[in-house]
Amino acid sequence: MRAKAEWICFVDVDVRAAPRLVATAVAAADEQSVDLLSLSPFQELGSFWERLIVPVGLVLIACAMDLRQINDPAAPDVSASGQFMLFRRDAYFAVSGHAAVRGEICEDKALAARIKQAGIRFRLVGGGRLARTRMYTDLPSLWEGFSKNAVEILGNAAATVTLAMAGLIFSWTALALPVWSALVLAGDPFAPVVLGSGLCVAGSLAILGVHLGTVWHCRIPLWFGLLFPASYTAVVILAWSSLVLRRTGRVKWKGRTYSVVGKDEPGPLRDPVPTERASFRSTGAPPGTSPSKGGAGKPVTPFLPNR
């Protein structure tokens, strides 16, 4: 049965919402004349592993994605946060809604791609002041979730591994350069060596500043920003894990195993009827259950103030 309201809103069950979340989103969508507004909630990080890995994951995503291109109707770039998606009713049913992307691993991104391909106005914006969520609570759930989604989020397997390896190289280089510069300077304290050492230290401090700023944004202890080389090491292992899962054709999520059967790489759907080429099938879920991360369309949990 089709909804009769003008707007249809999907919110993950683990999202805690401010009282005015939906009203503010509807007002913003109306003001900007968009038919799909996707909000990215503030990510709460509780455990050591969340605080070690998630911040550098956000840095890599920021390096790989240009929000201006994502929100540009003429650009092919697409991304979305399934944690909050507000559709104008007519737009949602014009692209056949979630039924059309039920075979996708990242159905939120696939649905946003259909919206964009149809020429319907879409925006992805930050919603940290209106909603917050804690996606993972421990290392096993974080590892499973990131391994499932990394390739989907960053576009393809090659981009995922390349970006993670670049982060690894830059991070350890930033750590090693000041030490190397100090050793060289101690043995040859001439002006060019001093200048080169100063540039090395400045570059390393800039990289450190980015990561200290990121952990400050995430509202976790600043000393996690000093661990960024270890963080990128873990991210590289995650990237390869995601690649191996895709190559073997199986991904796991919350006790279910899915077989990747239709696409070698994620990205915008070009088939006008994607339900005829489902990207994966469940090998462990009961009939009629959804393979998504879960929670879409569930009641909105009341927002709790920042700690």
Protein backbone atom coordinates (compact mmCIF):
# COMPACT_ATOMS: atom_id res chain seq x y z
CA MET A 1 0.00 0.00 0.00
CA ARG A 2 1.42 3.37 -1.02
CA ALA A 3 1.84 6.14 1.51
CA LYS A 4 -0.34 9.16 0.94
CA ALA A 5 1.77 11.75 2.76
CA GLU A 6 3.89 14.22 0.79
CA TRP A 7 7.09 13.04 2.46
CA ILE A 8 8.43 9.58 3.31
CA CYS A 9 11.27 9.35 5.83
CA PHE A 10 13.54 6.36 6.54
CA VAL A 11 15.63 6.41 9.72
CA ASP A 12 17.91 3.64 10.99
CA VAL A 13 16.90 2.18 14.32
CA ASP A 14 20.25 3.09 15.92
CA VAL A 15 19.86 6.82 15.17
CA ARG A 16 19.05 9.10 18.09
CA ALA A 17 17.16 12.11 16.82
CA ALA A 18 16.70 15.66 18.05
CA PRO A 19 13.02 16.55 18.55
CA ARG A 20 12.98 18.78 15.45
CA LEU A 21 14.93 16.45 13.16
CA VAL A 22 12.18 15.56 10.70
CA ALA A 23 10.54 19.00 10.77
CA THR A 24 13.90 20.69 10.12
CA ALA A 25 14.72 18.27 7.31
CA VAL A 26 11.36 18.80 5.61
CA ALA A 27 11.75 22.57 5.86
CA ALA A 28 15.28 22.39 4.41
CA ALA A 29 14.20 20.12 1.56
CA ASP A 30 11.30 22.45 0.73
CA GLU A 31 13.51 25.53 0.89
CA GLN A 32 16.16 23.98 -1.39
CA SER A 33 13.59 22.29 -3.67
CA VAL A 34 15.13 18.85 -3.32
CA ASP A 35 13.23 15.57 -3.54
CA LEU A 36 15.70 13.44 -1.58
CA LEU A 37 17.56 14.82 1.42
CA SER A 38 20.06 12.47 3.06
CA LEU A 39 21.57 13.46 6.40
CA SER A 40 24.78 12.04 7.83
CA PRO A 41 24.46 11.80 11.65
CA PHE A 42 27.26 12.43 14.11
CA GLN A 43 29.17 9.18 14.65
CA GLU A 44 29.59 8.23 18.31
CA LEU A 45 32.73 6.24 19.08
CA GLY A 46 32.91 4.31 22.32
CA SER A 47 35.43 1.49 22.15
CA PHE A 48 39.19 1.67 21.53
CA TRP A 49 38.89 0.12 18.07
CA GLU A 50 36.13 2.46 16.96
CA ARG A 51 38.23 5.43 18.03
CA LEU A 52 41.33 4.05 16.36
CA ILE A 53 39.81 3.16 12.96
CA VAL A 54 36.72 5.26 12.26
CA PRO A 55 38.37 8.72 12.31
CA VAL A 56 40.95 7.82 9.66
CA GLY A 57 38.20 6.11 7.69
CA LEU A 58 36.39 9.46 7.65
CA VAL A 59 39.60 11.16 6.47
CA LEU A 60 39.94 8.70 3.57
CA ILE A 61 36.29 9.13 2.58
CA ALA A 62 36.75 12.91 2.64
CA CYS A 63 39.80 12.55 0.38
CA ALA A 64 37.95 10.28 -2.04
CA MET A 65 34.63 12.10 -2.29
CA ASP A 66 33.77 15.64 -3.33
CA LEU A 67 30.48 16.66 -1.73
CA ARG A 68 30.04 19.38 -4.34
CA GLN A 69 30.10 16.76 -7.09
CA ILE A 70 27.77 14.47 -5.18
CA ASN A 71 25.23 17.29 -4.89
CA ASP A 72 25.75 18.45 -8.48
CA PRO A 73 22.92 17.09 -10.68
CA ALA A 74 25.23 17.07 -13.71
CA ALA A 75 28.00 15.05 -12.03
CA PRO A 76 27.97 11.22 -11.94
CA ASP A 77 29.30 11.06 -8.36
CA VAL A 78 26.83 9.64 -5.88
CA SER A 79 26.73 8.75 -2.21
CA ALA A 80 24.11 8.75 0.51
CA SER A 81 23.60 7.98 4.17
CA GLY A 82 20.92 5.37 4.67
CA GLN A 83 20.76 6.39 8.32
CA PHE A 84 18.44 9.24 7.35
CA MET A 85 16.74 9.57 3.96
CA LEU A 86 13.81 11.93 3.39
CA PHE A 87 11.98 11.45 0.08
CA ARG A 88 9.28 13.44 -1.56
CA ARG A 89 6.63 10.78 -2.07
CA ASP A 90 6.32 11.15 -5.84
CA ALA A 91 10.09 10.96 -6.29
CA TYR A 92 10.37 7.81 -4.18
CA PHE A 93 7.77 5.90 -6.17
CA ALA A 94 9.04 7.32 -9.48
CA VAL A 95 12.22 5.24 -9.02
CA SER A 96 10.33 2.24 -7.54
CA GLY A 97 11.66 2.81 -4.03
CA HIS A 98 13.58 0.22 -2.05
CA ALA A 99 12.04 -2.61 -4.04
CA ALA A 100 14.22 -1.61 -6.99
CA VAL A 101 17.46 -1.88 -4.98
CA ARG A 102 16.70 -4.84 -2.74
CA GLY A 103 19.56 -6.72 -4.41
CA GLU A 104 22.21 -4.13 -3.53
CA ILE A 105 24.75 -4.40 -0.73
CA CYS A 106 24.57 -0.62 -0.16
CA GLU A 107 20.94 0.02 -1.04
CA ASP A 108 21.10 3.65 0.15
CA LYS A 109 23.78 4.55 -2.40
CA ALA A 110 22.01 2.58 -5.14
CA LEU A 111 18.72 4.34 -4.42
CA ALA A 112 20.40 7.75 -4.50
CA ALA A 113 21.96 6.76 -7.84
CA ARG A 114 18.53 5.99 -9.28
CA ILE A 115 17.23 9.33 -8.00
CA LYS A 116 20.12 11.20 -9.59
CA GLN A 117 19.93 9.31 -12.88
CA ALA A 118 16.25 10.15 -13.13
CA GLY A 119 17.09 13.85 -12.93
CA ILE A 120 15.46 14.23 -9.52
CA ARG A 121 17.08 16.73 -7.16
CA PHE A 122 19.11 15.21 -4.33
CA ARG A 123 21.34 16.50 -1.56
CA LEU A 124 23.63 14.85 0.98
CA VAL A 125 24.45 17.05 3.97
CA GLY A 126 25.82 16.73 7.47
CA GLY A 127 23.25 16.28 10.20
CA GLY A 128 25.44 16.01 13.28
CA ARG A 129 23.49 18.63 15.21
CA LEU A 130 20.20 16.86 14.64
CA ALA A 131 21.07 13.17 14.84
CA ARG A 132 23.73 10.90 16.22
CA THR A 133 24.42 7.19 15.98
CA ARG A 134 26.84 4.52 17.07
CA MET A 135 27.12 2.11 14.18
CA TYR A 136 29.47 -0.40 15.82
CA THR A 137 30.18 -1.29 19.43
CA ASP A 138 33.21 -3.57 19.17
CA LEU A 139 35.94 -4.75 16.81
CA PRO A 140 34.08 -7.76 15.34
CA SER A 141 31.03 -5.72 14.30
CA LEU A 142 33.21 -2.88 13.01
CA TRP A 143 35.37 -5.28 11.02
CA GLU A 144 32.36 -7.03 9.53
CA GLY A 145 30.63 -3.77 8.61
CA PHE A 146 33.67 -2.07 7.09
CA SER A 147 34.71 -5.19 5.21
CA LYS A 148 31.24 -5.37 3.71
CA ASN A 149 30.98 -1.72 2.76
CA ALA A 150 34.50 -0.42 2.01
CA VAL A 151 34.50 -1.26 -1.69
CA GLU A 152 30.95 0.04 -2.08
CA ILE A 153 31.70 3.35 -0.38
CA LEU A 154 34.92 4.14 -2.22
CA GLY A 155 33.74 3.07 -5.67
CA ASN A 156 35.71 -0.05 -6.60
CA ALA A 157 38.26 -2.51 -5.29
CA ALA A 158 41.28 -0.82 -6.86
CA ALA A 159 40.36 2.61 -5.47
CA THR A 160 39.75 1.16 -2.01
CA VAL A 161 43.11 -0.59 -1.73
CA THR A 162 45.03 2.24 -3.43
CA LEU A 163 43.60 4.89 -1.12
CA ALA A 164 44.24 2.80 1.98
CA MET A 165 47.83 2.08 0.89
CA ALA A 166 48.41 5.78 0.19
CA GLY A 167 47.21 6.60 3.69
CA LEU A 168 49.53 3.96 5.13
CA ILE A 169 52.57 5.30 3.25
CA PHE A 170 51.88 8.94 4.09
CA SER A 171 51.26 8.20 7.76
CA TRP A 172 54.43 6.23 8.39
CA THR A 173 56.44 8.66 6.26
CA ALA A 174 55.12 11.54 8.35
CA LEU A 175 56.32 9.71 11.43
CA ALA A 176 59.75 8.80 10.01
CA LEU A 177 60.66 12.09 8.31
CA PRO A 178 61.29 14.16 11.45
CA VAL A 179 63.50 11.41 12.89
CA TRP A 180 65.46 11.07 9.64
CA SER A 181 65.76 14.85 9.33
CA ALA A 182 67.11 15.15 12.87
CA LEU A 183 69.76 12.50 12.17
CA VAL A 184 70.83 14.20 8.93
CA LEU A 185 70.87 17.61 10.59
CA ALA A 186 73.03 16.33 13.43
CA GLY A 187 75.65 15.13 10.95
CA ASP A 188 75.54 18.06 8.51
CA PRO A 189 74.12 21.28 10.03
CA PHE A 190 74.37 23.46 6.91
CA ALA A 191 71.68 25.85 5.68
CA PRO A 192 70.17 23.61 2.93
CA VAL A 193 69.96 20.73 5.37
CA VAL A 194 68.32 22.95 7.98
CA LEU A 195 65.79 24.17 5.41
CA GLY A 196 65.01 20.63 4.23
CA SER A 197 64.62 19.42 7.78
CA GLY A 198 62.31 22.28 8.58
CA LEU A 199 60.11 21.46 5.56
CA CYS A 200 59.98 17.80 6.59
CA VAL A 201 58.92 18.67 10.10
CA ALA A 202 56.33 21.17 8.81
CA GLY A 203 54.80 18.54 6.54
CA SER A 204 54.62 16.01 9.33
CA LEU A 205 53.03 18.55 11.67
CA ALA A 206 50.43 19.39 9.02
CA ILE A 207 49.46 15.72 8.69
CA LEU A 208 49.38 15.39 12.48
CA GLY A 209 47.17 18.48 12.66
CA VAL A 210 44.65 16.96 10.26
CA HIS A 211 44.29 13.89 12.43
CA LEU A 212 44.19 15.80 15.70
CA GLY A 213 41.44 17.93 14.19
CA THR A 214 39.56 14.83 13.11
CA VAL A 215 39.61 13.23 16.54
CA TRP A 216 38.59 16.57 18.07
CA HIS A 217 35.63 16.62 15.67
CA CYS A 218 34.80 13.06 16.75
CA ARG A 219 34.92 14.18 20.42
CA ILE A 220 37.35 11.52 21.53
CA PRO A 221 40.65 11.91 23.44
CA LEU A 222 43.22 13.80 21.37
CA TRP A 223 45.91 11.18 21.92
CA PHE A 224 44.10 8.96 19.39
CA GLY A 225 45.28 11.48 16.80
CA LEU A 226 48.86 10.47 17.58
CA LEU A 227 48.10 6.85 16.64
CA PHE A 228 47.23 7.56 13.02
CA PRO A 229 50.02 5.36 11.54
CA ALA A 230 48.61 2.38 13.45
CA SER A 231 45.12 3.43 12.36
CA TYR A 232 46.05 3.35 8.68
CA THR A 233 47.73 -0.02 9.15
CA ALA A 234 44.43 -1.41 10.43
CA VAL A 235 42.53 0.30 7.58
CA VAL A 236 44.79 -1.31 4.98
CA ILE A 237 44.07 -4.75 6.45
CA LEU A 238 40.35 -3.90 6.34
CA ALA A 239 40.62 -2.79 2.71
CA TRP A 240 42.26 -6.03 1.68
CA SER A 241 39.67 -7.96 3.68
CA SER A 242 36.92 -6.17 1.76
CA LEU A 243 38.66 -6.95 -1.53
CA VAL A 244 39.05 -10.64 -0.65
CA LEU A 245 35.37 -10.90 0.31
CA ARG A 246 34.33 -9.40 -3.01
CA ARG A 247 36.68 -11.70 -4.95
CA THR A 248 35.38 -14.76 -3.14
CA GLY A 249 31.83 -13.60 -3.83
CA ARG A 250 30.63 -13.69 -0.24
CA VAL A 251 30.02 -11.05 2.39
CA LYS A 252 28.71 -11.47 5.93
CA TRP A 253 26.51 -9.14 7.91
CA LYS A 254 24.80 -9.74 11.25
CA GLY A 255 24.84 -13.52 11.05
CA ARG A 256 23.81 -13.69 7.39
CA THR A 257 25.95 -14.60 4.40
CA TYR A 258 25.34 -12.98 1.03
CA SER A 259 26.67 -14.14 -2.33
CA VAL A 260 27.75 -11.41 -4.74
CA VAL A 261 26.34 -12.59 -8.06
CA GLY A 262 25.58 -9.65 -10.34
CA LYS A 263 28.29 -6.96 -10.28
CA ASP A 264 32.06 -7.02 -9.92
CA GLU A 265 32.15 -3.43 -8.76
CA PRO A 266 29.68 -1.07 -7.11
CA GLY A 267 28.65 2.32 -8.44
CA PRO A 268 25.75 4.02 -10.20
CA LEU A 269 23.27 1.58 -11.69
CA ARG A 270 22.97 1.83 -15.45
CA ASP A 271 20.33 -0.82 -15.92
CA PRO A 272 16.89 0.87 -15.93
CA VAL A 273 15.43 -2.23 -14.29
CA PRO A 274 18.08 -3.21 -11.72
CA THR A 275 15.79 -5.73 -10.06
CA GLU A 276 16.55 -8.01 -13.02
CA ARG A 277 20.24 -8.04 -12.15
CA ALA A 278 20.34 -8.28 -8.37
CA SER A 279 23.83 -7.78 -6.98
CA PHE A 280 23.65 -10.42 -4.27
CA ARG A 281 21.33 -13.01 -2.83
CA SER A 282 20.98 -14.06 0.75
CA THR A 283 22.25 -17.52 1.64
CA GLY A 284 21.35 -17.32 5.29
CA ALA A 285 18.45 -14.93 5.74
CA PRO A 286 14.92 -16.20 6.15
CA PRO A 287 12.62 -15.70 3.15
CA GLY A 288 11.15 -12.24 2.92
CA THR A 289 13.75 -10.53 5.14
CA SER A 290 15.71 -7.52 3.95
CA PRO A 291 19.48 -7.79 3.39
CA SER A 292 20.11 -4.16 4.36
CA LYS A 293 21.99 -3.05 7.45
CA GLY A 294 18.67 -2.77 9.17
CA GLY A 295 16.51 -0.20 10.77
CA ALA A 296 15.14 1.72 7.78
CA GLY A 297 11.66 2.89 8.53
CA LYS A 298 11.93 2.08 12.23
CA PRO A 299 10.74 4.54 14.93
CA VAL A 300 13.06 7.44 15.64
CA THR A 301 14.85 7.15 18.98
CA PRO A 302 14.79 10.36 21.07
CA PHE A 303 17.91 12.51 20.84
CA LEU A 304 20.23 12.70 23.83
CA PRO A 305 22.48 15.73 24.35
CA ASN A 306 26.24 15.52 23.90
CA ARG A 307 28.12 14.16 26.82
